[in-house]
PDB file of N, CA and C in Angstrom:
ATOM      1  N   UNK A   1     -39.176 -32.071 -22.726  1.00  0.00           N
ATOM      2  CA  UNK A   1     -38.762 -31.664 -21.395  1.00  0.00           C
ATOM      3  C   UNK A   1     -39.946 -31.202 -20.592  1.00  0.00           C
ATOM      4  N   UNK A   2     -40.066 -31.618 -19.296  1.00  0.00           N
ATOM      5  CA  UNK A   2     -41.108 -31.203 -18.454  1.00  0.00           C
ATOM      6  C   UNK A   2     -40.574 -30.351 -17.330  1.00  0.00           C
ATOM      7  N   UNK A   3     -41.542 -29.584 -16.775  1.00  0.00           N
ATOM      8  CA  UNK A   3     -41.152 -28.716 -15.616  1.00  0.00           C
ATOM      9  C   UNK A   3     -41.196 -29.516 -14.315  1.00  0.00           C
ATOM     10  N   UNK A   4     -41.047 -28.964 -13.273  1.00  0.00           N
ATOM     11  CA  UNK A   4     -41.012 -29.679 -11.963  1.00  0.00           C
ATOM     12  C   UNK A   4     -42.362 -30.242 -11.579  1.00  0.00           C
ATOM     13  N   UNK A   5     -43.403 -29.942 -12.223  1.00  0.00           N
ATOM     14  CA  UNK A   5     -44.713 -30.518 -11.953  1.00  0.00           C
ATOM     15  C   UNK A   5     -45.132 -31.456 -13.053  1.00  0.00           C
ATOM     16  N   UNK A   6     -44.202 -31.805 -13.961  1.00  0.00           N
ATOM     17  CA  UNK A   6     -44.500 -32.895 -14.960  1.00  0.00           C
ATOM     18  C   UNK A   6     -45.187 -32.211 -16.273  1.00  0.00           C
ATOM     19  N   UNK A   7     -45.403 -30.937 -16.190  1.00  0.00           N
ATOM     20  CA  UNK A   7     -46.026 -30.351 -17.368  1.00  0.00           C
ATOM     21  C   UNK A   7     -45.030 -30.067 -18.476  1.00  0.00           C
ATOM     22  N   UNK A   8     -45.423 -30.279 -19.760  1.00  0.00           N
ATOM     23  CA  UNK A   8     -44.478 -30.087 -20.794  1.00  0.00           C
ATOM     24  C   UNK A   8     -44.150 -28.632 -20.977  1.00  0.00           C
ATOM     25  N   UNK A   9     -42.946 -28.293 -21.313  1.00  0.00           N
ATOM     26  CA  UNK A   9     -42.500 -26.940 -21.492  1.00  0.00           C
ATOM     27  C   UNK A   9     -42.568 -26.569 -22.976  1.00  0.00           C
ATOM     28  N   UNK A  10     -42.778 -25.360 -23.305  1.00  0.00           N
ATOM     29  CA  UNK A  10     -42.700 -24.817 -24.658  1.00  0.00           C
ATOM     30  C   UNK A  10     -41.328 -24.781 -25.175  1.00  0.00           C
ATOM     31  N   UNK A  11     -41.017 -25.260 -26.312  1.00  0.00           N
ATOM     32  CA  UNK A  11     -39.684 -25.079 -26.954  1.00  0.00           C
ATOM     33  C   UNK A  11     -39.817 -23.987 -27.950  1.00  0.00           C
ATOM     34  N   UNK A  12     -38.837 -23.141 -27.918  1.00  0.00           N
ATOM     35  CA  UNK A  12     -38.876 -22.008 -28.957  1.00  0.00           C
ATOM     36  C   UNK A  12     -37.437 -21.730 -29.345  1.00  0.00           C
ATOM     37  N   UNK A  13     -37.320 -20.841 -30.357  1.00  0.00           N
ATOM     38  CA  UNK A  13     -36.066 -20.422 -30.961  1.00  0.00           C
ATOM     39  C   UNK A  13     -35.870 -18.920 -30.793  1.00  0.00           C
ATOM     40  N   UNK A  14     -34.711 -18.419 -31.013  1.00  0.00           N
ATOM     41  CA  UNK A  14     -34.400 -16.995 -31.050  1.00  0.00           C
ATOM     42  C   UNK A  14     -33.322 -16.677 -31.952  1.00  0.00           C
ATOM     43  N   UNK A  15     -33.126 -15.435 -32.305  1.00  0.00           N
ATOM     44  CA  UNK A  15     -32.201 -15.068 -33.273  1.00  0.00           C
ATOM     45  C   UNK A  15     -30.693 -15.243 -32.874  1.00  0.00           C
ATOM     46  N   UNK A  16     -29.886 -15.238 -33.901  1.00  0.00           N
ATOM     47  CA  UNK A  16     -28.456 -15.412 -33.731  1.00  0.00           C
ATOM     48  C   UNK A  16     -27.814 -14.187 -32.952  1.00  0.00           C
ATOM     49  N   UNK A  17     -28.414 -13.049 -33.086  1.00  0.00           N
ATOM     50  CA  UNK A  17     -27.828 -11.886 -32.394  1.00  0.00           C
ATOM     51  C   UNK A  17     -27.824 -12.094 -30.877  1.00  0.00           C
ATOM     52  N   UNK A  18     -28.843 -12.683 -30.318  1.00  0.00           N
ATOM     53  CA  UNK A  18     -28.797 -13.026 -28.891  1.00  0.00           C
ATOM     54  C   UNK A  18     -27.880 -14.190 -28.631  1.00  0.00           C
ATOM     55  N   UNK A  19     -27.956 -15.245 -29.443  1.00  0.00           N
ATOM     56  CA  UNK A  19     -27.041 -16.411 -29.170  1.00  0.00           C
ATOM     57  C   UNK A  19     -25.607 -15.961 -29.120  1.00  0.00           C
ATOM     58  N   UNK A  20     -25.176 -15.102 -29.965  1.00  0.00           N
ATOM     59  CA  UNK A  20     -23.765 -14.690 -29.966  1.00  0.00           C
ATOM     60  C   UNK A  20     -23.364 -14.111 -28.668  1.00  0.00           C
ATOM     61  N   UNK A  21     -24.238 -13.521 -27.889  1.00  0.00           N
ATOM     62  CA  UNK A  21     -23.931 -12.896 -26.618  1.00  0.00           C
ATOM     63  C   UNK A  21     -23.613 -14.079 -25.596  1.00  0.00           C
ATOM     64  N   UNK A  22     -24.050 -15.310 -25.820  1.00  0.00           N
ATOM     65  CA  UNK A  22     -23.789 -16.352 -24.864  1.00  0.00           C
ATOM     66  C   UNK A  22     -22.347 -16.510 -24.471  1.00  0.00           C
ATOM     67  N   UNK A  23     -21.437 -16.433 -25.482  1.00  0.00           N
ATOM     68  CA  UNK A  23     -20.003 -16.676 -25.145  1.00  0.00           C
ATOM     69  C   UNK A  23     -19.283 -15.315 -24.916  1.00  0.00           C
ATOM     70  N   UNK A  24     -19.758 -14.219 -25.456  1.00  0.00           N
ATOM     71  CA  UNK A  24     -19.077 -12.957 -25.300  1.00  0.00           C
ATOM     72  C   UNK A  24     -19.518 -12.170 -24.032  1.00  0.00           C
ATOM     73  N   UNK A  25     -20.823 -12.288 -23.660  1.00  0.00           N
ATOM     74  CA  UNK A  25     -21.264 -11.545 -22.543  1.00  0.00           C
ATOM     75  C   UNK A  25     -22.449 -12.335 -21.955  1.00  0.00           C
ATOM     76  N   UNK A  26     -22.116 -13.371 -21.075  1.00  0.00           N
ATOM     77  CA  UNK A  26     -23.242 -14.167 -20.539  1.00  0.00           C
ATOM     78  C   UNK A  26     -24.294 -13.450 -19.752  1.00  0.00           C
ATOM     79  N   UNK A  27     -23.917 -12.427 -19.056  1.00  0.00           N
ATOM     80  CA  UNK A  27     -24.944 -11.656 -18.253  1.00  0.00           C
ATOM     81  C   UNK A  27     -25.899 -10.989 -19.188  1.00  0.00           C
ATOM     82  N   UNK A  28     -25.412 -10.350 -20.281  1.00  0.00           N
ATOM     83  CA  UNK A  28     -26.267  -9.674 -21.298  1.00  0.00           C
ATOM     84  C   UNK A  28     -27.067 -10.660 -21.998  1.00  0.00           C
ATOM     85  N   UNK A  29     -26.488 -11.911 -22.239  1.00  0.00           N
ATOM     86  CA  UNK A  29     -27.235 -12.897 -22.948  1.00  0.00           C
ATOM     87  C   UNK A  29     -28.468 -13.271 -22.084  1.00  0.00           C
ATOM     88  N   UNK A  30     -28.376 -13.434 -20.791  1.00  0.00           N
ATOM     89  CA  UNK A  30     -29.480 -13.743 -19.911  1.00  0.00           C
ATOM     90  C   UNK A  30     -30.528 -12.626 -19.902  1.00  0.00           C
ATOM     91  N   UNK A  31     -29.987 -11.315 -19.875  1.00  0.00           N
ATOM     92  CA  UNK A  31     -30.930 -10.206 -19.846  1.00  0.00           C
ATOM     93  C   UNK A  31     -31.760 -10.170 -21.147  1.00  0.00           C
ATOM     94  N   UNK A  32     -30.985 -10.310 -22.303  1.00  0.00           N
ATOM     95  CA  UNK A  32     -31.688 -10.179 -23.627  1.00  0.00           C
ATOM     96  C   UNK A  32     -32.593 -11.358 -23.826  1.00  0.00           C
ATOM     97  N   UNK A  33     -32.233 -12.577 -23.418  1.00  0.00           N
ATOM     98  CA  UNK A  33     -33.095 -13.704 -23.563  1.00  0.00           C
ATOM     99  C   UNK A  33     -34.373 -13.563 -22.812  1.00  0.00           C
ATOM    100  N   UNK A  34     -34.317 -13.033 -21.496  1.00  0.00           N
ATOM    101  CA  UNK A  34     -35.547 -12.869 -20.724  1.00  0.00           C
ATOM    102  C   UNK A  34     -36.355 -11.712 -21.393  1.00  0.00           C
ATOM    103  N   UNK A  35     -35.801 -10.738 -21.709  1.00  0.00           N
ATOM    104  CA  UNK A  35     -36.508  -9.561 -22.378  1.00  0.00           C
ATOM    105  C   UNK A  35     -37.244  -9.959 -23.590  1.00  0.00           C
ATOM    106  N   UNK A  36     -36.503 -10.661 -24.491  1.00  0.00           N
ATOM    107  CA  UNK A  36     -37.058 -11.135 -25.737  1.00  0.00           C
ATOM    108  C   UNK A  36     -38.342 -11.966 -25.569  1.00  0.00           C
ATOM    109  N   UNK A  37     -38.256 -12.924 -24.567  1.00  0.00           N
ATOM    110  CA  UNK A  37     -39.379 -13.730 -24.349  1.00  0.00           C
ATOM    111  C   UNK A  37     -40.473 -13.154 -23.534  1.00  0.00           C
ATOM    112  N   UNK A  38     -40.119 -12.165 -22.679  1.00  0.00           N
ATOM    113  CA  UNK A  38     -41.131 -11.403 -21.945  1.00  0.00           C
ATOM    114  C   UNK A  38     -42.008 -10.551 -22.921  1.00  0.00           C
ATOM    115  N   UNK A  39     -41.426 -10.088 -23.989  1.00  0.00           N
ATOM    116  CA  UNK A  39     -42.133  -9.380 -24.955  1.00  0.00           C
ATOM    117  C   UNK A  39     -43.023 -10.274 -25.908  1.00  0.00           C
ATOM    118  N   UNK A  40     -42.466 -11.446 -26.299  1.00  0.00           N
ATOM    119  CA  UNK A  40     -43.192 -12.279 -27.177  1.00  0.00           C
ATOM    120  C   UNK A  40     -44.036 -13.380 -26.500  1.00  0.00           C
ATOM    121  N   UNK A  41     -43.814 -13.675 -25.334  1.00  0.00           N
ATOM    122  CA  UNK A  41     -44.553 -14.614 -24.582  1.00  0.00           C
ATOM    123  C   UNK A  41     -44.826 -14.125 -23.124  1.00  0.00           C
ATOM    124  N   UNK A  42     -45.634 -13.186 -22.942  1.00  0.00           N
ATOM    125  CA  UNK A  42     -45.877 -12.636 -21.615  1.00  0.00           C
ATOM    126  C   UNK A  42     -46.512 -13.781 -20.768  1.00  0.00           C
ATOM    127  N   UNK A  43     -45.926 -13.899 -19.500  1.00  0.00           N
ATOM    128  CA  UNK A  43     -46.504 -14.881 -18.672  1.00  0.00           C
ATOM    129  C   UNK A  43     -45.703 -16.199 -18.667  1.00  0.00           C
ATOM    130  N   UNK A  44     -44.767 -16.247 -19.559  1.00  0.00           N
ATOM    131  CA  UNK A  44     -43.920 -17.424 -19.689  1.00  0.00           C
ATOM    132  C   UNK A  44     -42.546 -17.155 -19.075  1.00  0.00           C
ATOM    133  N   UNK A  45     -41.892 -18.138 -18.481  1.00  0.00           N
ATOM    134  CA  UNK A  45     -40.588 -18.020 -17.906  1.00  0.00           C
ATOM    135  C   UNK A  45     -39.565 -18.891 -18.582  1.00  0.00           C
ATOM    136  N   UNK A  46     -38.420 -18.260 -18.906  1.00  0.00           N
ATOM    137  CA  UNK A  46     -37.287 -18.998 -19.475  1.00  0.00           C
ATOM    138  C   UNK A  46     -36.740 -19.922 -18.358  1.00  0.00           C
ATOM    139  N   UNK A  47     -36.764 -21.242 -18.660  1.00  0.00           N
ATOM    140  CA  UNK A  47     -36.227 -22.199 -17.649  1.00  0.00           C
ATOM    141  C   UNK A  47     -34.897 -22.750 -18.049  1.00  0.00           C
ATOM    142  N   UNK A  48     -34.614 -22.960 -19.307  1.00  0.00           N
ATOM    143  CA  UNK A  48     -33.359 -23.621 -19.756  1.00  0.00           C
ATOM    144  C   UNK A  48     -33.099 -23.151 -21.146  1.00  0.00           C
ATOM    145  N   UNK A  49     -31.877 -23.002 -21.485  1.00  0.00           N
ATOM    146  CA  UNK A  49     -31.384 -22.767 -22.837  1.00  0.00           C
ATOM    147  C   UNK A  49     -30.329 -23.811 -23.191  1.00  0.00           C
ATOM    148  N   UNK A  50     -30.547 -24.272 -24.383  1.00  0.00           N
ATOM    149  CA  UNK A  50     -29.535 -25.323 -24.967  1.00  0.00           C
ATOM    150  C   UNK A  50     -29.643 -25.129 -26.525  1.00  0.00           C
ATOM    151  N   UNK A  51     -28.648 -24.507 -27.013  1.00  0.00           N
ATOM    152  CA  UNK A  51     -28.613 -24.073 -28.380  1.00  0.00           C
ATOM    153  C   UNK A  51     -29.149 -25.196 -29.313  1.00  0.00           C
ATOM    154  N   UNK A  52     -30.045 -24.930 -30.230  1.00  0.00           N
ATOM    155  CA  UNK A  52     -30.846 -23.786 -30.510  1.00  0.00           C
ATOM    156  C   UNK A  52     -32.109 -23.518 -29.881  1.00  0.00           C
ATOM    157  N   UNK A  53     -32.391 -24.368 -28.771  1.00  0.00           N
ATOM    158  CA  UNK A  53     -33.755 -24.349 -28.099  1.00  0.00           C
ATOM    159  C   UNK A  53     -33.753 -23.609 -26.841  1.00  0.00           C
ATOM    160  N   UNK A  54     -34.831 -22.823 -26.583  1.00  0.00           N
ATOM    161  CA  UNK A  54     -35.121 -22.207 -25.318  1.00  0.00           C
ATOM    162  C   UNK A  54     -36.396 -22.882 -24.789  1.00  0.00           C
ATOM    163  N   UNK A  55     -36.281 -23.326 -23.621  1.00  0.00           N
ATOM    164  CA  UNK A  55     -37.412 -24.017 -22.955  1.00  0.00           C
ATOM    165  C   UNK A  55     -38.141 -23.000 -21.946  1.00  0.00           C
ATOM    166  N   UNK A  56     -39.414 -22.866 -22.208  1.00  0.00           N
ATOM    167  CA  UNK A  56     -40.289 -21.880 -21.477  1.00  0.00           C
ATOM    168  C   UNK A  56     -41.374 -22.654 -20.649  1.00  0.00           C
ATOM    169  N   UNK A  57     -41.580 -22.126 -19.398  1.00  0.00           N
ATOM    170  CA  UNK A  57     -42.683 -22.610 -18.577  1.00  0.00           C
ATOM    171  C   UNK A  57     -43.767 -21.703 -18.624  1.00  0.00           C
ATOM    172  N   UNK A  58     -45.064 -22.169 -18.697  1.00  0.00           N
ATOM    173  CA  UNK A  58     -46.208 -21.403 -18.752  1.00  0.00           C
ATOM    174  C   UNK A  58     -46.704 -21.005 -17.331  1.00  0.00           C
ATOM    175  N   UNK A  59     -46.500 -19.752 -16.942  1.00  0.00           N
ATOM    176  CA  UNK A  59     -46.772 -19.264 -15.567  1.00  0.00           C
ATOM    177  C   UNK A  59     -48.065 -18.424 -15.634  1.00  0.00           C
ATOM    178  N   UNK A  60     -48.761 -18.338 -16.790  1.00  0.00           N
ATOM    179  CA  UNK A  60     -50.003 -17.483 -16.884  1.00  0.00           C
ATOM    180  C   UNK A  60     -51.027 -18.202 -15.995  1.00  0.00           C
ATOM    181  N   UNK A  61     -51.629 -17.349 -15.087  1.00  0.00           N
ATOM    182  CA  UNK A  61     -52.635 -17.737 -14.205  1.00  0.00           C
ATOM    183  C   UNK A  61     -52.192 -18.503 -12.960  1.00  0.00           C
ATOM    184  N   UNK A  62     -50.879 -18.679 -12.748  1.00  0.00           N
ATOM    185  CA  UNK A  62     -50.406 -19.286 -11.591  1.00  0.00           C
ATOM    186  C   UNK A  62     -49.866 -18.237 -10.637  1.00  0.00           C
ATOM    187  N   UNK A  63     -50.041 -18.367  -9.385  1.00  0.00           N
ATOM    188  CA  UNK A  63     -49.571 -17.496  -8.307  1.00  0.00           C
ATOM    189  C   UNK A  63     -48.162 -17.943  -7.963  1.00  0.00           C
ATOM    190  N   UNK A  64     -47.301 -16.997  -7.813  1.00  0.00           N
ATOM    191  CA  UNK A  64     -45.961 -17.340  -7.429  1.00  0.00           C
ATOM    192  C   UNK A  64     -45.681 -16.880  -5.920  1.00  0.00           C
TER     193      UNK A  64
END
């Protein structure tokens, strides 16, 4: 999968504890997912989630 500029996105996984929130508490799922990746991949943005893959865009060094 590529981002809007045609650059490939990083594919990653995360634990089942967060995935379980997807159906029980979608807002908390989004918060937990963003927090998880902001700690592990600073400068990367969660773009899409499709179990079991999370797609991340590299925003390090880019101005927003």
